[in-house]
Amino acid sequence: MPVHTEYKKLLGFLKAIGYREKGGGLTHPDDPYFLYQFWPGKRVFTTDLLDSPLLEEGKHIMIRKYRHIYLGALNLVDLIITKMFRGTSTDLDDCVAVFSTGGG
């Protein structure tokens, strides 16, 4: 679970190497259509998860582990929960897509 000071350092570093704020996240000129979003602690969008997704095995999807940083993503269940609480049509479409592929 990133602490707020480390979260700020990460965002500062990403901006220093060319990432720019857009639509609630960061994009890079090399791939301007991909949106990267980061949250400190256990808050995602406007939703507080009951537990940090990093505390238990299976609560997150490990993407890659580096020497000083761990890159992971929410598991599909927590992702669906955060999207359902926002409730936009795009979020609901994303939830249906996860269920239709057998991921949820």
N, C-alpha and C. Protein backbone atom coordinates (compact mmCIF):
# COMPACT_ATOMS: atom_id res chain seq x y z
N MET A 1 0.85 -1.16 0.00
CA MET A 1 0.00 0.00 0.00
C MET A 1 0.90 1.23 0.00
N PRO A 2 0.88 2.01 -1.06
CA PRO A 2 1.75 3.17 -1.11
C PRO A 2 1.39 4.19 -0.03
N VAL A 3 2.40 4.71 0.65
CA VAL A 3 2.16 5.79 1.58
C VAL A 3 2.14 7.08 0.77
N HIS A 4 1.51 8.10 1.31
CA HIS A 4 1.31 9.33 0.55
C HIS A 4 2.61 9.97 0.08
N THR A 5 3.67 9.94 0.90
CA THR A 5 4.93 10.55 0.46
C THR A 5 5.53 9.78 -0.71
N GLU A 6 5.46 8.45 -0.69
CA GLU A 6 5.99 7.64 -1.80
C GLU A 6 5.13 7.82 -3.05
N TYR A 7 3.83 7.96 -2.85
CA TYR A 7 2.90 8.20 -3.96
C TYR A 7 3.27 9.51 -4.66
N LYS A 8 3.52 10.56 -3.88
CA LYS A 8 3.89 11.85 -4.46
C LYS A 8 5.23 11.76 -5.20
N LYS A 9 6.18 11.00 -4.65
CA LYS A 9 7.48 10.82 -5.32
C LYS A 9 7.28 10.11 -6.66
N LEU A 10 6.44 9.07 -6.68
CA LEU A 10 6.19 8.32 -7.91
C LEU A 10 5.58 9.23 -8.97
N LEU A 11 4.56 10.00 -8.59
CA LEU A 11 3.93 10.89 -9.56
C LEU A 11 4.91 11.95 -10.06
N GLY A 12 5.74 12.48 -9.17
CA GLY A 12 6.75 13.46 -9.57
C GLY A 12 7.74 12.87 -10.55
N PHE A 13 8.18 11.64 -10.29
CA PHE A 13 9.12 10.96 -11.19
C PHE A 13 8.49 10.74 -12.56
N LEU A 14 7.25 10.25 -12.59
CA LEU A 14 6.60 9.98 -13.87
C LEU A 14 6.42 11.26 -14.68
N LYS A 15 6.07 12.34 -14.03
CA LYS A 15 5.93 13.62 -14.74
C LYS A 15 7.28 14.09 -15.27
N ALA A 16 8.35 13.84 -14.51
CA ALA A 16 9.69 14.24 -14.94
C ALA A 16 10.15 13.49 -16.18
N ILE A 17 9.63 12.29 -16.40
CA ILE A 17 10.05 11.51 -17.58
C ILE A 17 9.02 11.58 -18.71
N GLY A 18 8.11 12.55 -18.64
CA GLY A 18 7.25 12.81 -19.78
C GLY A 18 5.78 12.48 -19.65
N TYR A 19 5.35 11.90 -18.54
CA TYR A 19 3.92 11.62 -18.36
C TYR A 19 3.20 12.92 -18.02
N ARG A 20 1.99 13.08 -18.53
CA ARG A 20 1.19 14.28 -18.31
C ARG A 20 -0.19 13.91 -17.79
N GLU A 21 -0.76 14.80 -16.97
CA GLU A 21 -2.09 14.56 -16.42
C GLU A 21 -3.16 14.66 -17.50
N LYS A 22 -4.10 13.71 -17.47
CA LYS A 22 -5.20 13.71 -18.43
C LYS A 22 -6.31 12.80 -17.91
N GLY A 23 -7.51 13.30 -17.83
CA GLY A 23 -8.68 12.49 -17.52
C GLY A 23 -8.59 11.71 -16.22
N GLY A 24 -8.04 12.28 -15.18
CA GLY A 24 -7.95 11.59 -13.90
C GLY A 24 -6.79 10.61 -13.78
N GLY A 25 -5.86 10.70 -14.70
CA GLY A 25 -4.69 9.82 -14.66
C GLY A 25 -3.53 10.45 -15.38
N LEU A 26 -2.62 9.62 -15.84
CA LEU A 26 -1.45 10.09 -16.57
C LEU A 26 -1.38 9.39 -17.92
N THR A 27 -0.93 10.11 -18.92
CA THR A 27 -0.67 9.53 -20.23
C THR A 27 0.77 9.87 -20.64
N HIS A 28 1.26 9.14 -21.63
CA HIS A 28 2.59 9.40 -22.14
C HIS A 28 2.48 9.63 -23.65
N PRO A 29 3.27 10.54 -24.20
CA PRO A 29 3.19 10.81 -25.64
C PRO A 29 3.40 9.57 -26.52
N ASP A 30 4.14 8.57 -26.04
CA ASP A 30 4.35 7.35 -26.82
C ASP A 30 3.08 6.52 -26.97
N ASP A 31 2.15 6.67 -26.04
CA ASP A 31 0.88 5.93 -26.08
C ASP A 31 -0.21 6.80 -25.45
N PRO A 32 -0.64 7.86 -26.15
CA PRO A 32 -1.54 8.84 -25.55
C PRO A 32 -2.94 8.32 -25.25
N TYR A 33 -3.29 7.13 -25.73
CA TYR A 33 -4.63 6.61 -25.49
C TYR A 33 -4.71 5.68 -24.28
N PHE A 34 -3.57 5.37 -23.67
CA PHE A 34 -3.54 4.51 -22.48
C PHE A 34 -3.46 5.41 -21.25
N LEU A 35 -4.38 5.23 -20.32
CA LEU A 35 -4.45 6.05 -19.12
C LEU A 35 -3.95 5.25 -17.92
N TYR A 36 -2.94 5.77 -17.25
CA TYR A 36 -2.40 5.15 -16.05
C TYR A 36 -2.99 5.87 -14.84
N GLN A 37 -3.53 5.09 -13.89
CA GLN A 37 -4.11 5.68 -12.70
C GLN A 37 -3.50 5.05 -11.47
N PHE A 38 -3.18 5.88 -10.48
CA PHE A 38 -2.57 5.43 -9.24
C PHE A 38 -3.33 6.03 -8.07
N TRP A 39 -3.43 5.26 -6.99
CA TRP A 39 -4.07 5.74 -5.77
C TRP A 39 -3.25 5.29 -4.57
N PRO A 40 -3.07 6.18 -3.60
CA PRO A 40 -2.37 5.75 -2.39
C PRO A 40 -3.33 5.04 -1.44
N GLY A 41 -2.80 4.15 -0.63
CA GLY A 41 -3.62 3.48 0.37
C GLY A 41 -4.62 2.52 -0.23
N LYS A 42 -5.81 2.48 0.34
CA LYS A 42 -6.82 1.54 -0.13
C LYS A 42 -7.99 2.24 -0.82
N ARG A 43 -7.82 3.49 -1.19
CA ARG A 43 -8.85 4.24 -1.91
C ARG A 43 -8.63 4.11 -3.40
N VAL A 44 -9.70 3.80 -4.13
CA VAL A 44 -9.66 3.71 -5.58
C VAL A 44 -10.84 4.52 -6.11
N PHE A 45 -10.57 5.43 -7.01
CA PHE A 45 -11.57 6.41 -7.46
C PHE A 45 -12.11 7.10 -6.20
N THR A 46 -13.38 6.95 -5.92
CA THR A 46 -13.96 7.53 -4.70
C THR A 46 -14.37 6.44 -3.72
N THR A 47 -13.91 5.23 -3.95
CA THR A 47 -14.31 4.08 -3.14
C THR A 47 -13.18 3.65 -2.22
N ASP A 48 -13.49 3.44 -0.96
CA ASP A 48 -12.53 2.87 -0.02
C ASP A 48 -12.73 1.36 0.02
N LEU A 49 -11.68 0.61 -0.30
CA LEU A 49 -11.74 -0.84 -0.18
C LEU A 49 -11.66 -1.21 1.30
N LEU A 50 -12.21 -2.35 1.69
CA LEU A 50 -12.18 -2.76 3.08
C LEU A 50 -10.76 -3.02 3.55
N ASP A 51 -9.95 -3.63 2.69
CA ASP A 51 -8.56 -3.95 3.02
C ASP A 51 -7.66 -3.47 1.88
N SER A 52 -6.41 -3.23 2.20
CA SER A 52 -5.45 -2.89 1.17
C SER A 52 -5.31 -4.07 0.21
N PRO A 53 -5.29 -3.82 -1.08
CA PRO A 53 -5.11 -4.92 -2.03
C PRO A 53 -3.71 -5.53 -2.01
N LEU A 54 -2.77 -4.93 -1.31
CA LEU A 54 -1.40 -5.44 -1.29
C LEU A 54 -1.08 -6.30 -0.08
N LEU A 55 -2.00 -6.38 0.88
CA LEU A 55 -1.68 -7.08 2.12
C LEU A 55 -1.77 -8.60 2.02
N GLU A 56 -2.62 -9.11 1.14
CA GLU A 56 -2.81 -10.55 1.06
C GLU A 56 -2.59 -11.05 -0.37
N GLU A 57 -2.06 -12.25 -0.47
CA GLU A 57 -1.90 -12.91 -1.77
C GLU A 57 -3.28 -13.11 -2.39
N GLY A 58 -3.40 -12.88 -3.68
CA GLY A 58 -4.66 -13.06 -4.37
C GLY A 58 -5.54 -11.83 -4.38
N LYS A 59 -5.17 -10.81 -3.62
CA LYS A 59 -5.95 -9.57 -3.59
C LYS A 59 -5.51 -8.59 -4.67
N HIS A 60 -4.49 -8.96 -5.43
CA HIS A 60 -3.98 -8.11 -6.49
C HIS A 60 -3.34 -8.99 -7.56
N ILE A 61 -3.09 -8.38 -8.69
CA ILE A 61 -2.44 -9.07 -9.80
C ILE A 61 -1.03 -8.49 -9.93
N MET A 62 -0.02 -9.32 -9.70
CA MET A 62 1.36 -8.86 -9.81
C MET A 62 1.72 -8.71 -11.28
N ILE A 63 2.20 -7.54 -11.64
CA ILE A 63 2.63 -7.29 -13.01
C ILE A 63 4.14 -7.48 -13.11
N ARG A 64 4.87 -6.80 -12.22
CA ARG A 64 6.32 -6.96 -12.22
C ARG A 64 6.89 -6.43 -10.91
N LYS A 65 7.93 -7.10 -10.44
CA LYS A 65 8.60 -6.67 -9.22
C LYS A 65 10.00 -6.21 -9.59
N TYR A 66 10.29 -4.96 -9.23
CA TYR A 66 11.60 -4.38 -9.47
C TYR A 66 12.36 -4.34 -8.14
N ARG A 67 13.55 -3.82 -8.18
CA ARG A 67 14.36 -3.77 -6.97
C ARG A 67 13.72 -2.88 -5.89
N HIS A 68 13.21 -1.72 -6.28
CA HIS A 68 12.68 -0.77 -5.31
C HIS A 68 11.18 -0.50 -5.45
N ILE A 69 10.52 -1.16 -6.36
CA ILE A 69 9.10 -0.90 -6.56
C ILE A 69 8.40 -2.16 -7.03
N TYR A 70 7.18 -2.31 -6.63
CA TYR A 70 6.35 -3.44 -7.00
C TYR A 70 5.20 -2.89 -7.83
N LEU A 71 4.99 -3.41 -9.02
CA LEU A 71 3.92 -2.96 -9.88
C LEU A 71 2.83 -4.02 -9.87
N GLY A 72 1.67 -3.64 -9.39
CA GLY A 72 0.55 -4.56 -9.33
C GLY A 72 -0.73 -3.85 -9.71
N ALA A 73 -1.77 -4.62 -9.90
CA ALA A 73 -3.09 -4.08 -10.25
C ALA A 73 -4.14 -4.71 -9.36
N LEU A 74 -5.27 -4.05 -9.26
CA LEU A 74 -6.38 -4.62 -8.50
C LEU A 74 -6.78 -5.96 -9.10
N ASN A 75 -7.22 -6.88 -8.24
CA ASN A 75 -7.79 -8.10 -8.80
C ASN A 75 -9.14 -7.74 -9.43
N LEU A 76 -9.67 -8.61 -10.23
CA LEU A 76 -10.87 -8.28 -11.00
C LEU A 76 -12.09 -8.03 -10.11
N VAL A 77 -12.19 -8.72 -8.98
CA VAL A 77 -13.33 -8.51 -8.08
C VAL A 77 -13.30 -7.09 -7.52
N ASP A 78 -12.15 -6.64 -7.00
CA ASP A 78 -12.06 -5.28 -6.47
C ASP A 78 -12.24 -4.24 -7.57
N LEU A 79 -11.73 -4.53 -8.76
CA LEU A 79 -11.92 -3.61 -9.88
C LEU A 79 -13.40 -3.44 -10.20
N ILE A 80 -14.13 -4.55 -10.23
CA ILE A 80 -15.57 -4.50 -10.51
C ILE A 80 -16.28 -3.71 -9.42
N ILE A 81 -15.92 -3.93 -8.15
CA ILE A 81 -16.56 -3.22 -7.05
C ILE A 81 -16.37 -1.71 -7.20
N THR A 82 -15.14 -1.28 -7.49
CA THR A 82 -14.90 0.16 -7.62
C THR A 82 -15.67 0.74 -8.80
N LYS A 83 -15.77 0.01 -9.89
CA LYS A 83 -16.49 0.51 -11.06
C LYS A 83 -18.00 0.54 -10.81
N MET A 84 -18.52 -0.43 -10.09
CA MET A 84 -19.96 -0.45 -9.81
C MET A 84 -20.36 0.73 -8.93
N PHE A 85 -19.49 1.12 -8.00
CA PHE A 85 -19.81 2.25 -7.14
C PHE A 85 -19.81 3.56 -7.92
N ARG A 86 -18.99 3.65 -8.97
CA ARG A 86 -19.02 4.86 -9.80
C ARG A 86 -20.28 4.84 -10.65
N GLY A 87 -20.59 3.69 -11.24
CA GLY A 87 -21.86 3.51 -11.92
C GLY A 87 -22.06 4.18 -13.26
N THR A 88 -20.99 4.59 -13.94
CA THR A 88 -21.19 5.16 -15.27
C THR A 88 -21.48 4.03 -16.25
N SER A 89 -22.02 4.38 -17.40
CA SER A 89 -22.33 3.34 -18.39
C SER A 89 -21.06 2.64 -18.85
N THR A 90 -19.96 3.37 -18.98
CA THR A 90 -18.68 2.75 -19.36
C THR A 90 -18.22 1.76 -18.30
N ASP A 91 -18.35 2.14 -17.02
CA ASP A 91 -17.96 1.25 -15.92
C ASP A 91 -18.80 -0.02 -15.92
N LEU A 92 -20.10 0.12 -16.14
CA LEU A 92 -20.98 -1.06 -16.18
C LEU A 92 -20.64 -1.95 -17.38
N ASP A 93 -20.33 -1.35 -18.52
CA ASP A 93 -19.91 -2.13 -19.69
C ASP A 93 -18.62 -2.90 -19.39
N ASP A 94 -17.68 -2.25 -18.68
CA ASP A 94 -16.44 -2.93 -18.30
C ASP A 94 -16.73 -4.14 -17.40
N CYS A 95 -17.66 -3.99 -16.46
CA CYS A 95 -18.02 -5.09 -15.56
C CYS A 95 -18.62 -6.26 -16.34
N VAL A 96 -19.51 -5.96 -17.26
CA VAL A 96 -20.11 -7.01 -18.10
C VAL A 96 -19.03 -7.72 -18.91
N ALA A 97 -18.06 -6.97 -19.43
CA ALA A 97 -16.97 -7.57 -20.21
C ALA A 97 -16.16 -8.53 -19.36
N VAL A 98 -15.87 -8.15 -18.10
CA VAL A 98 -15.11 -9.04 -17.21
C VAL A 98 -15.89 -10.32 -16.95
N PHE A 99 -17.19 -10.19 -16.65
CA PHE A 99 -18.00 -11.38 -16.39
C PHE A 99 -18.14 -12.26 -17.63
N SER A 100 -18.26 -11.65 -18.80
CA SER A 100 -18.46 -12.45 -20.02
C SER A 100 -17.21 -13.21 -20.43
N THR A 101 -16.05 -12.76 -19.98
CA THR A 101 -14.82 -13.48 -20.29
C THR A 101 -14.46 -14.50 -19.22
N GLY A 102 -15.28 -14.60 -18.18
CA GLY A 102 -15.04 -15.56 -17.12
C GLY A 102 -14.06 -15.06 -16.07
N GLY A 103 -13.78 -13.77 -16.07
CA GLY A 103 -12.81 -13.22 -15.14
C GLY A 103 -13.38 -12.82 -13.80
N GLY A 104 -14.69 -12.88 -13.61
CA GLY A 104 -15.21 -12.37 -12.34
C GLY A 104 -16.05 -13.35 -11.60
